[in-house]
Amino acid sequence: LEQVVLPVPGLDRLSLLPAGPIPPNPAELLNSPRAGSRRR
């Protein structure tokens, strides 16, 4: 998570977590326990 959360250029205190490669199963991936731990 630390590697992919990027600061937004020119805007202090604002960061972006990009989407990454588009998966074949977005709903299942977003509902996974691993996704929940990253949200926390």
PDB file of all heavy atoms in Angstrom:
ATOM      1  N   LEU A   1       0.826  -1.203   0.000  1.00  0.00           N
ATOM      2  CA  LEU A   1       0.000   0.000   0.000  1.00  0.00           C
ATOM      3  C   LEU A   1       0.861   1.253   0.000  1.00  0.00           C
ATOM      4  O   LEU A   1       0.553   2.244  -0.669  1.00  0.00           O
ATOM      5  CB  LEU A   1      -0.930  -0.019   1.220  1.00  0.00           C
ATOM      6  CG  LEU A   1      -2.095   0.967   1.223  1.00  0.00           C
ATOM      7  CD1 LEU A   1      -3.032   0.690   0.052  1.00  0.00           C
ATOM      8  CD2 LEU A   1      -2.859   0.884   2.533  1.00  0.00           C
ATOM      9  N   GLU A   2       1.966   1.215   0.745  1.00  0.00           N
ATOM     10  CA  GLU A   2       2.852   2.375   0.830  1.00  0.00           C
ATOM     11  C   GLU A   2       3.487   2.691  -0.528  1.00  0.00           C
ATOM     12  O   GLU A   2       3.769   3.851  -0.841  1.00  0.00           O
ATOM     13  CB  GLU A   2       3.946   2.125   1.872  1.00  0.00           C
ATOM     14  CG  GLU A   2       3.461   2.125   3.314  1.00  0.00           C
ATOM     15  CD  GLU A   2       2.625   0.897   3.667  1.00  0.00           C
ATOM     16  OE1 GLU A   2       2.737  -0.127   2.940  1.00  0.00           O
ATOM     17  OE2 GLU A   2       1.865   0.959   4.641  1.00  0.00           O
ATOM     18  N   GLN A   3       3.703   1.677  -1.343  1.00  0.00           N
ATOM     19  CA  GLN A   3       4.331   1.891  -2.641  1.00  0.00           C
ATOM     20  C   GLN A   3       3.398   2.524  -3.670  1.00  0.00           C
ATOM     21  O   GLN A   3       3.857   3.240  -4.562  1.00  0.00           O
ATOM     22  CB  GLN A   3       4.848   0.548  -3.196  1.00  0.00           C
ATOM     23  CG  GLN A   3       6.056  -0.002  -2.471  1.00  0.00           C
ATOM     24  CD  GLN A   3       6.433  -1.389  -2.970  1.00  0.00           C
ATOM     25  OE1 GLN A   3       5.588  -2.239  -3.216  1.00  0.00           O
ATOM     26  NE2 GLN A   3       7.739  -1.625  -3.134  1.00  0.00           N
ATOM     27  N   VAL A   4       2.105   2.269  -3.549  1.00  0.00           N
ATOM     28  CA  VAL A   4       1.185   2.709  -4.609  1.00  0.00           C
ATOM     29  C   VAL A   4       0.394   3.967  -4.254  1.00  0.00           C
ATOM     30  O   VAL A   4      -0.190   4.595  -5.144  1.00  0.00           O
ATOM     31  CB  VAL A   4       0.205   1.573  -4.984  1.00  0.00           C
ATOM     32  CG1 VAL A   4       0.966   0.382  -5.533  1.00  0.00           C
ATOM     33  CG2 VAL A   4      -0.654   1.165  -3.799  1.00  0.00           C
ATOM     34  N   VAL A   5       0.343   4.362  -2.978  1.00  0.00           N
ATOM     35  CA  VAL A   5      -0.324   5.618  -2.626  1.00  0.00           C
ATOM     36  C   VAL A   5       0.614   6.768  -2.970  1.00  0.00           C
ATOM     37  O   VAL A   5       1.712   6.880  -2.419  1.00  0.00           O
ATOM     38  CB  VAL A   5      -0.704   5.660  -1.137  1.00  0.00           C
ATOM     39  CG1 VAL A   5      -1.263   7.034  -0.771  1.00  0.00           C
ATOM     40  CG2 VAL A   5      -1.735   4.581  -0.815  1.00  0.00           C
ATOM     41  N   LEU A   6       0.178   7.628  -3.895  1.00  0.00           N
ATOM     42  CA  LEU A   6       1.049   8.657  -4.451  1.00  0.00           C
ATOM     43  C   LEU A   6       0.591  10.054  -4.052  1.00  0.00           C
ATOM     44  O   LEU A   6      -0.619  10.330  -4.033  1.00  0.00           O
ATOM     45  CB  LEU A   6       1.057   8.558  -5.986  1.00  0.00           C
ATOM     46  CG  LEU A   6       1.425   7.196  -6.573  1.00  0.00           C
ATOM     47  CD1 LEU A   6       1.225   7.217  -8.084  1.00  0.00           C
ATOM     48  CD2 LEU A   6       2.850   6.827  -6.215  1.00  0.00           C
ATOM     49  N   PRO A   7       1.527  10.958  -3.745  1.00  0.00           N
ATOM     50  CA  PRO A   7       1.136  12.350  -3.503  1.00  0.00           C
ATOM     51  C   PRO A   7       0.704  13.005  -4.806  1.00  0.00           C
ATOM     52  O   PRO A   7       1.288  12.760  -5.862  1.00  0.00           O
ATOM     53  CB  PRO A   7       2.421  12.989  -2.953  1.00  0.00           C
ATOM     54  CG  PRO A   7       3.530  12.138  -3.503  1.00  0.00           C
ATOM     55  CD  PRO A   7       2.979  10.739  -3.590  1.00  0.00           C
ATOM     56  N   VAL A   8      -0.312  13.849  -4.742  1.00  0.00           N
ATOM     57  CA  VAL A   8      -0.774  14.573  -5.925  1.00  0.00           C
ATOM     58  C   VAL A   8       0.134  15.785  -6.133  1.00  0.00           C
ATOM     59  O   VAL A   8       0.286  16.612  -5.229  1.00  0.00           O
ATOM     60  CB  VAL A   8      -2.241  15.014  -5.759  1.00  0.00           C
ATOM     61  CG1 VAL A   8      -2.673  15.910  -6.918  1.00  0.00           C
ATOM     62  CG2 VAL A   8      -3.147  13.790  -5.668  1.00  0.00           C
ATOM     63  N   PRO A   9       0.755  15.923  -7.294  1.00  0.00           N
ATOM     64  CA  PRO A   9       1.697  17.027  -7.530  1.00  0.00           C
ATOM     65  C   PRO A   9       1.046  18.391  -7.346  1.00  0.00           C
ATOM     66  O   PRO A   9      -0.051  18.648  -7.852  1.00  0.00           O
ATOM     67  CB  PRO A   9       2.110  16.829  -8.994  1.00  0.00           C
ATOM     68  CG  PRO A   9       1.847  15.381  -9.280  1.00  0.00           C
ATOM     69  CD  PRO A   9       0.659  15.020  -8.453  1.00  0.00           C
ATOM     70  N   GLY A  10       1.727  19.251  -6.575  1.00  0.00           N
ATOM     71  CA  GLY A  10       1.269  20.621  -6.399  1.00  0.00           C
ATOM     72  C   GLY A  10       0.171  20.806  -5.379  1.00  0.00           C
ATOM     73  O   GLY A  10      -0.295  21.935  -5.167  1.00  0.00           O
ATOM     74  N   LEU A  11      -0.278  19.729  -4.741  1.00  0.00           N
ATOM     75  CA  LEU A  11      -1.369  19.828  -3.771  1.00  0.00           C
ATOM     76  C   LEU A  11      -0.960  19.115  -2.487  1.00  0.00           C
ATOM     77  O   LEU A  11      -1.010  17.876  -2.384  1.00  0.00           O
ATOM     78  CB  LEU A  11      -2.654  19.214  -4.337  1.00  0.00           C
ATOM     79  CG  LEU A  11      -3.271  19.966  -5.521  1.00  0.00           C
ATOM     80  CD1 LEU A  11      -4.318  19.108  -6.219  1.00  0.00           C
ATOM     81  CD2 LEU A  11      -3.896  21.276  -5.052  1.00  0.00           C
ATOM     82  N   ASP A  12      -0.552  19.907  -1.503  1.00  0.00           N
ATOM     83  CA  ASP A  12      -0.155  19.334  -0.213  1.00  0.00           C
ATOM     84  C   ASP A  12      -1.341  18.638   0.444  1.00  0.00           C
ATOM     85  O   ASP A  12      -2.487  19.058   0.299  1.00  0.00           O
ATOM     86  CB  ASP A  12       0.369  20.435   0.711  1.00  0.00           C
ATOM     87  CG  ASP A  12       1.656  21.046   0.198  1.00  0.00           C
ATOM     88  OD1 ASP A  12       2.362  20.367  -0.585  1.00  0.00           O
ATOM     89  OD2 ASP A  12       1.947  22.203   0.554  1.00  0.00           O
ATOM     90  N   ARG A  13      -1.051  17.575   1.160  1.00  0.00           N
ATOM     91  CA  ARG A  13      -2.029  16.811   1.951  1.00  0.00           C
ATOM     92  C   ARG A  13      -3.002  15.986   1.108  1.00  0.00           C
ATOM     93  O   ARG A  13      -3.910  15.376   1.657  1.00  0.00           O
ATOM     94  CB  ARG A  13      -2.823  17.718   2.902  1.00  0.00           C
ATOM     95  CG  ARG A  13      -1.966  18.550   3.863  1.00  0.00           C
ATOM     96  CD  ARG A  13      -2.830  19.363   4.815  1.00  0.00           C
ATOM     97  NE  ARG A  13      -2.023  20.216   5.655  1.00  0.00           N
ATOM     98  CZ  ARG A  13      -1.646  21.434   5.319  1.00  0.00           C
ATOM     99  NH1 ARG A  13      -2.022  21.938   4.158  1.00  0.00           N
ATOM    100  NH2 ARG A  13      -0.921  22.161   6.129  1.00  0.00           N
ATOM    101  N   LEU A  14      -2.846  16.000  -0.206  1.00  0.00           N
ATOM    102  CA  LEU A  14      -3.735  15.213  -1.062  1.00  0.00           C
ATOM    103  C   LEU A  14      -2.951  14.079  -1.710  1.00  0.00           C
ATOM    104  O   LEU A  14      -1.910  14.301  -2.315  1.00  0.00           O
ATOM    105  CB  LEU A  14      -4.365  16.084  -2.143  1.00  0.00           C
ATOM    106  CG  LEU A  14      -5.383  15.380  -3.064  1.00  0.00           C
ATOM    107  CD1 LEU A  14      -6.577  14.869  -2.263  1.00  0.00           C
ATOM    108  CD2 LEU A  14      -5.853  16.319  -4.173  1.00  0.00           C
ATOM    109  N   SER A  15      -3.476  12.853  -1.562  1.00  0.00           N
ATOM    110  CA  SER A  15      -2.846  11.668  -2.132  1.00  0.00           C
ATOM    111  C   SER A  15      -3.852  10.913  -2.985  1.00  0.00           C
ATOM    112  O   SER A  15      -5.069  11.121  -2.879  1.00  0.00           O
ATOM    113  CB  SER A  15      -2.313  10.748  -1.021  1.00  0.00           C
ATOM    114  OG  SER A  15      -1.357  11.417  -0.223  1.00  0.00           O
ATOM    115  N   LEU A  16      -3.324  10.014  -3.818  1.00  0.00           N
ATOM    116  CA  LEU A  16      -4.176   9.220  -4.701  1.00  0.00           C
ATOM    117  C   LEU A  16      -3.733   7.770  -4.673  1.00  0.00           C
ATOM    118  O   LEU A  16      -2.537   7.470  -4.794  1.00  0.00           O
ATOM    119  CB  LEU A  16      -4.099   9.756  -6.137  1.00  0.00           C
ATOM    120  CG  LEU A  16      -4.776   8.902  -7.224  1.00  0.00           C
ATOM    121  CD1 LEU A  16      -6.279   8.845  -6.997  1.00  0.00           C
ATOM    122  CD2 LEU A  16      -4.469   9.448  -8.606  1.00  0.00           C
ATOM    123  N   LEU A  17      -4.706   6.874  -4.502  1.00  0.00           N
ATOM    124  CA  LEU A  17      -4.479   5.447  -4.668  1.00  0.00           C
ATOM    125  C   LEU A  17      -5.077   5.055  -6.011  1.00  0.00           C
ATOM    126  O   LEU A  17      -6.294   4.953  -6.140  1.00  0.00           O
ATOM    127  CB  LEU A  17      -5.128   4.649  -3.534  1.00  0.00           C
ATOM    128  CG  LEU A  17      -5.110   3.119  -3.650  1.00  0.00           C
ATOM    129  CD1 LEU A  17      -3.694   2.606  -3.863  1.00  0.00           C
ATOM    130  CD2 LEU A  17      -5.742   2.472  -2.426  1.00  0.00           C
ATOM    131  N   PRO A  18      -4.256   4.883  -7.063  1.00  0.00           N
ATOM    132  CA  PRO A  18      -4.778   4.553  -8.388  1.00  0.00           C
ATOM    133  C   PRO A  18      -5.462   3.191  -8.411  1.00  0.00           C
ATOM    134  O   PRO A  18      -5.352   2.403  -7.463  1.00  0.00           O
ATOM    135  CB  PRO A  18      -3.518   4.562  -9.270  1.00  0.00           C
ATOM    136  CG  PRO A  18      -2.490   5.307  -8.486  1.00  0.00           C
ATOM    137  CD  PRO A  18      -2.799   5.038  -7.052  1.00  0.00           C
ATOM    138  N   ALA A  19      -6.134   2.893  -9.515  1.00  0.00           N
ATOM    139  CA  ALA A  19      -6.891   1.642  -9.615  1.00  0.00           C
ATOM    140  C   ALA A  19      -5.979   0.443  -9.830  1.00  0.00           C
ATOM    141  O   ALA A  19      -6.210  -0.631  -9.262  1.00  0.00           O
ATOM    142  CB  ALA A  19      -7.897   1.747 -10.761  1.00  0.00           C
ATOM    143  N   GLY A  20      -4.952   0.580 -10.663  1.00  0.00           N
ATOM    144  CA  GLY A  20      -4.128  -0.561 -11.009  1.00  0.00           C
ATOM    145  C   GLY A  20      -4.697  -1.292 -12.213  1.00  0.00           C
ATOM    146  O   GLY A  20      -5.669  -0.843 -12.834  1.00  0.00           O
ATOM    147  N   PRO A  21      -4.134  -2.449 -12.557  1.00  0.00           N
ATOM    148  CA  PRO A  21      -4.625  -3.216 -13.705  1.00  0.00           C
ATOM    149  C   PRO A  21      -6.099  -3.597 -13.530  1.00  0.00           C
ATOM    150  O   PRO A  21      -6.525  -3.977 -12.442  1.00  0.00           O
ATOM    151  CB  PRO A  21      -3.738  -4.464 -13.707  1.00  0.00           C
ATOM    152  CG  PRO A  21      -2.524  -4.074 -12.925  1.00  0.00           C
ATOM    153  CD  PRO A  21      -2.973  -3.080 -11.904  1.00  0.00           C
ATOM    154  N   ILE A  22      -6.880  -3.490 -14.606  1.00  0.00           N
ATOM    155  CA  ILE A  22      -8.303  -3.815 -14.534  1.00  0.00           C
ATOM    156  C   ILE A  22      -8.465  -5.329 -14.433  1.00  0.00           C
ATOM    157  O   ILE A  22      -8.011  -6.068 -15.311  1.00  0.00           O
ATOM    158  CB  ILE A  22      -9.042  -3.274 -15.764  1.00  0.00           C
ATOM    159  CG1 ILE A  22      -8.953  -1.745 -15.792  1.00  0.00           C
ATOM    160  CG2 ILE A  22     -10.503  -3.723 -15.773  1.00  0.00           C
ATOM    161  CD1 ILE A  22      -9.586  -1.100 -17.004  1.00  0.00           C
ATOM    162  N   PRO A  23      -9.115  -5.823 -13.370  1.00  0.00           N
ATOM    163  CA  PRO A  23      -9.240  -7.268 -13.171  1.00  0.00           C
ATOM    164  C   PRO A  23     -10.471  -7.834 -13.878  1.00  0.00           C
ATOM    165  O   PRO A  23     -11.387  -7.093 -14.233  1.00  0.00           O
ATOM    166  CB  PRO A  23      -9.404  -7.378 -11.651  1.00  0.00           C
ATOM    167  CG  PRO A  23     -10.150  -6.126 -11.291  1.00  0.00           C
ATOM    168  CD  PRO A  23      -9.666  -5.057 -12.244  1.00  0.00           C
ATOM    169  N   PRO A  24     -10.516  -9.151 -14.065  1.00  0.00           N
ATOM    170  CA  PRO A  24     -11.704  -9.761 -14.673  1.00  0.00           C
ATOM    171  C   PRO A  24     -12.874  -9.879 -13.708  1.00  0.00           C
ATOM    172  O   PRO A  24     -14.007 -10.093 -14.122  1.00  0.00           O
ATOM    173  CB  PRO A  24     -11.202 -11.151 -15.095  1.00  0.00           C
ATOM    174  CG  PRO A  24     -10.091 -11.448 -14.138  1.00  0.00           C
ATOM    175  CD  PRO A  24      -9.436 -10.124 -13.841  1.00  0.00           C
ATOM    176  N   ASN A  25     -12.597  -9.756 -12.401  1.00  0.00           N
ATOM    177  CA  ASN A  25     -13.634  -9.928 -11.376  1.00  0.00           C
ATOM    178  C   ASN A  25     -13.626  -8.782 -10.364  1.00  0.00           C
ATOM    179  O   ASN A  25     -13.323  -8.992  -9.182  1.00  0.00           O
ATOM    180  CB  ASN A  25     -13.419 -11.249 -10.638  1.00  0.00           C
ATOM    181  CG  ASN A  25     -12.011 -11.347 -10.032  1.00  0.00           C
ATOM    182  OD1 ASN A  25     -11.093 -10.627 -10.443  1.00  0.00           O
ATOM    183  ND2 ASN A  25     -11.850 -12.217  -9.051  1.00  0.00           N
ATOM    184  N   PRO A  26     -13.954  -7.548 -10.765  1.00  0.00           N
ATOM    185  CA  PRO A  26     -13.859  -6.404  -9.852  1.00  0.00           C
ATOM    186  C   PRO A  26     -14.695  -6.554  -8.578  1.00  0.00           C
ATOM    187  O   PRO A  26     -14.218  -6.247  -7.483  1.00  0.00           O
ATOM    188  CB  PRO A  26     -14.362  -5.238 -10.709  1.00  0.00           C
ATOM    189  CG  PRO A  26     -14.163  -5.667 -12.110  1.00  0.00           C
ATOM    190  CD  PRO A  26     -14.390  -7.147 -12.114  1.00  0.00           C
ATOM    191  N   ALA A  27     -15.943  -7.004  -8.700  1.00  0.00           N
ATOM    192  CA  ALA A  27     -16.818  -7.087  -7.528  1.00  0.00           C
ATOM    193  C   ALA A  27     -16.248  -8.034  -6.478  1.00  0.00           C
ATOM    194  O   ALA A  27     -16.235  -7.717  -5.275  1.00  0.00           O
ATOM    195  CB  ALA A  27     -18.214  -7.535  -7.956  1.00  0.00           C
ATOM    196  N   GLU A  28     -15.791  -9.197  -6.885  1.00  0.00           N
ATOM    197  CA  GLU A  28     -15.232 -10.165  -5.941  1.00  0.00           C
ATOM    198  C   GLU A  28     -13.964  -9.637  -5.288  1.00  0.00           C
ATOM    199  O   GLU A  28     -13.731  -9.831  -4.092  1.00  0.00           O
ATOM    200  CB  GLU A  28     -14.935 -11.491  -6.659  1.00  0.00           C
ATOM    201  CG  GLU A  28     -16.155 -12.277  -7.076  1.00  0.00           C
ATOM    202  CD  GLU A  28     -16.828 -11.706  -8.302  1.00  0.00           C
ATOM    203  OE1 GLU A  28     -16.248 -10.785  -8.946  1.00  0.00           O
ATOM    204  OE2 GLU A  28     -17.946 -12.155  -8.628  1.00  0.00           O
ATOM    205  N   LEU A  29     -13.154  -8.931  -6.059  1.00  0.00           N
ATOM    206  CA  LEU A  29     -11.907  -8.387  -5.521  1.00  0.00           C
ATOM    207  C   LEU A  29     -12.181  -7.301  -4.486  1.00  0.00           C
ATOM    208  O   LEU A  29     -11.543  -7.246  -3.430  1.00  0.00           O
ATOM    209  CB  LEU A  29     -11.070  -7.828  -6.672  1.00  0.00           C
ATOM    210  CG  LEU A  29      -9.555  -7.761  -6.480  1.00  0.00           C
ATOM    211  CD1 LEU A  29      -8.983  -9.145  -6.190  1.00  0.00           C
ATOM    212  CD2 LEU A  29      -8.894  -7.169  -7.719  1.00  0.00           C
ATOM    213  N   LEU A  30     -13.150  -6.434  -4.770  1.00  0.00           N
ATOM    214  CA  LEU A  30     -13.479  -5.342  -3.843  1.00  0.00           C
ATOM    215  C   LEU A  30     -14.145  -5.854  -2.566  1.00  0.00           C
ATOM    216  O   LEU A  30     -14.113  -5.181  -1.536  1.00  0.00           O
ATOM    217  CB  LEU A  30     -14.407  -4.336  -4.538  1.00  0.00           C
ATOM    218  CG  LEU A  30     -13.772  -3.527  -5.671  1.00  0.00           C
ATOM    219  CD1 LEU A  30     -14.842  -2.741  -6.416  1.00  0.00           C
ATOM    220  CD2 LEU A  30     -12.690  -2.597  -5.143  1.00  0.00           C
ATOM    221  N   ASN A  31     -14.738  -7.033  -2.617  1.00  0.00           N
ATOM    222  CA  ASN A  31     -15.438  -7.592  -1.457  1.00  0.00           C
ATOM    223  C   ASN A  31     -14.575  -8.580  -0.680  1.00  0.00           C
ATOM    224  O   ASN A  31     -15.043  -9.219   0.260  1.00  0.00           O
ATOM    225  CB  ASN A  31     -16.716  -8.297  -1.916  1.00  0.00           C
ATOM    226  CG  ASN A  31     -17.735  -8.422  -0.807  1.00  0.00           C
ATOM    227  OD1 ASN A  31     -17.799  -7.586   0.095  1.00  0.00           O
ATOM    228  ND2 ASN A  31     -18.540  -9.472  -0.853  1.00  0.00           N
ATOM    229  N   SER A  32     -13.307  -8.697  -1.029  1.00  0.00           N
ATOM    230  CA  SER A  32     -12.425  -9.661  -0.382  1.00  0.00           C
ATOM    231  C   SER A  32     -11.948  -9.167   0.975  1.00  0.00           C
ATOM    232  O   SER A  32     -11.913  -7.957   1.236  1.00  0.00           O
ATOM    233  CB  SER A  32     -11.211  -9.927  -1.281  1.00  0.00           C
ATOM    234  OG  SER A  32     -10.420  -8.758  -1.409  1.00  0.00           O
ATOM    235  N   PRO A  33     -11.578 -10.076   1.881  1.00  0.00           N
ATOM    236  CA  PRO A  33     -11.037  -9.664   3.196  1.00  0.00           C
ATOM    237  C   PRO A  33      -9.790  -8.794   3.059  1.00  0.00           C
ATOM    238  O   PRO A  33      -9.574  -7.884   3.857  1.00  0.00           O
ATOM    239  CB  PRO A  33     -10.725 -11.006   3.862  1.00  0.00           C
ATOM    240  CG  PRO A  33     -11.617 -11.993   3.195  1.00  0.00           C
ATOM    241  CD  PRO A  33     -11.733 -11.535   1.771  1.00  0.00           C
ATOM    242  N   ARG A  34      -8.962  -9.058   2.061  1.00  0.00           N
ATOM    243  CA  ARG A  34      -7.752  -8.254   1.864  1.00  0.00           C
ATOM    244  C   ARG A  34      -8.104  -6.808   1.538  1.00  0.00           C
ATOM    245  O   ARG A  34      -7.444  -5.873   2.014  1.00  0.00           O
ATOM    246  CB  ARG A  34      -6.905  -8.875   0.752  1.00  0.00           C
ATOM    247  CG  ARG A  34      -5.516  -8.265   0.633  1.00  0.00           C
ATOM    248  CD  ARG A  34      -4.672  -9.031  -0.381  1.00  0.00           C
ATOM    249  NE  ARG A  34      -3.326  -8.481  -0.481  1.00  0.00           N
ATOM    250  CZ  ARG A  34      -2.325  -8.773   0.315  1.00  0.00           C
ATOM    251  NH1 ARG A  34      -2.512  -9.646   1.294  1.00  0.00           N
ATOM    252  NH2 ARG A  34      -1.133  -8.227   0.162  1.00  0.00           N
ATOM    253  N   ALA A  35      -9.163  -6.600   0.738  1.00  0.00           N
ATOM    254  CA  ALA A  35      -9.599  -5.238   0.430  1.00  0.00           C
ATOM    255  C   ALA A  35     -10.088  -4.544   1.695  1.00  0.00           C
ATOM    256  O   ALA A  35      -9.826  -3.352   1.908  1.00  0.00           O
ATOM    257  CB  ALA A  35     -10.709  -5.274  -0.614  1.00  0.00           C
ATOM    258  N   GLY A  36     -10.784  -5.278   2.566  1.00  0.00           N
ATOM    259  CA  GLY A  36     -11.264  -4.696   3.818  1.00  0.00           C
ATOM    260  C   GLY A  36     -10.124  -4.247   4.712  1.00  0.00           C
ATOM    261  O   GLY A  36     -10.190  -3.172   5.331  1.00  0.00           O
ATOM    262  N   SER A  37      -9.069  -5.042   4.814  1.00  0.00           N
ATOM    263  CA  SER A  37      -7.936  -4.666   5.664  1.00  0.00           C
ATOM    264  C   SER A  37      -7.213  -3.443   5.115  1.00  0.00           C
ATOM    265  O   SER A  37      -6.747  -2.593   5.879  1.00  0.00           O
ATOM    266  CB  SER A  37      -6.960  -5.831   5.790  1.00  0.00           C
ATOM    267  OG  SER A  37      -6.327  -6.103   4.542  1.00  0.00           O
ATOM    268  N   ARG A  38      -7.150  -3.296   3.787  1.00  0.00           N
ATOM    269  CA  ARG A  38      -6.504  -2.121   3.198  1.00  0.00           C
ATOM    270  C   ARG A  38      -7.347  -0.868   3.422  1.00  0.00           C
ATOM    271  O   ARG A  38      -6.810   0.224   3.618  1.00  0.00           O
ATOM    272  CB  ARG A  38      -6.258  -2.338   1.700  1.00  0.00           C
ATOM    273  CG  ARG A  38      -5.305  -3.495   1.398  1.00  0.00           C
ATOM    274  CD  ARG A  38      -3.991  -3.344   2.173  1.00  0.00           C
ATOM    275  NE  ARG A  38      -3.078  -4.455   1.965  1.00  0.00           N
ATOM    276  CZ  ARG A  38      -3.050  -5.558   2.691  1.00  0.00           C
ATOM    277  NH1 ARG A  38      -3.930  -5.741   3.679  1.00  0.00           N
ATOM    278  NH2 ARG A  38      -2.155  -6.490   2.471  1.00  0.00           N
ATOM    279  N   ARG A  39      -8.657  -1.012   3.393  1.00  0.00           N
ATOM    280  CA  ARG A  39      -9.522   0.143   3.686  1.00  0.00           C
ATOM    281  C   ARG A  39      -9.305   0.623   5.117  1.00  0.00           C
ATOM    282  O   ARG A  39      -9.259   1.834   5.378  1.00  0.00           O
ATOM    283  CB  ARG A  39     -10.985  -0.236   3.460  1.00  0.00           C
ATOM    284  CG  ARG A  39     -11.408  -0.288   2.007  1.00  0.00           C
ATOM    285  CD  ARG A  39     -12.904  -0.444   1.873  1.00  0.00           C
ATOM    286  NE  ARG A  39     -13.356  -1.754   2.301  1.00  0.00           N
ATOM    287  CZ  ARG A  39     -13.598  -2.774   1.477  1.00  0.00           C
ATOM    288  NH1 ARG A  39     -13.402  -2.630   0.168  1.00  0.00           N
ATOM    289  NH2 ARG A  39     -14.018  -3.933   1.935  1.00  0.00           N
ATOM    290  N   ARG A  40      -9.166  -0.303   6.043  1.00  0.00           N
ATOM    291  CA  ARG A  40      -8.942   0.076   7.447  1.00  0.00           C
ATOM    292  C   ARG A  40      -7.599   0.790   7.618  1.00  0.00           C
ATOM    293  O   ARG A  40      -7.488   1.746   8.395  1.00  0.00           O
ATOM    294  CB  ARG A  40      -9.011  -1.168   8.335  1.00  0.00           C
ATOM    295  CG  ARG A  40     -10.426  -1.721   8.494  1.00  0.00           C
ATOM    296  CD  ARG A  40     -10.485  -2.798   9.548  1.00  0.00           C
ATOM    297  NE  ARG A  40      -9.786  -4.016   9.144  1.00  0.00           N
ATOM    298  CZ  ARG A  40     -10.343  -4.998   8.452  1.00  0.00           C
ATOM    299  NH1 ARG A  40     -11.611  -4.915   8.066  1.00  0.00           N
ATOM    300  NH2 ARG A  40      -9.640  -6.078   8.132  1.00  0.00           N
TER     301      ARG A  40
END
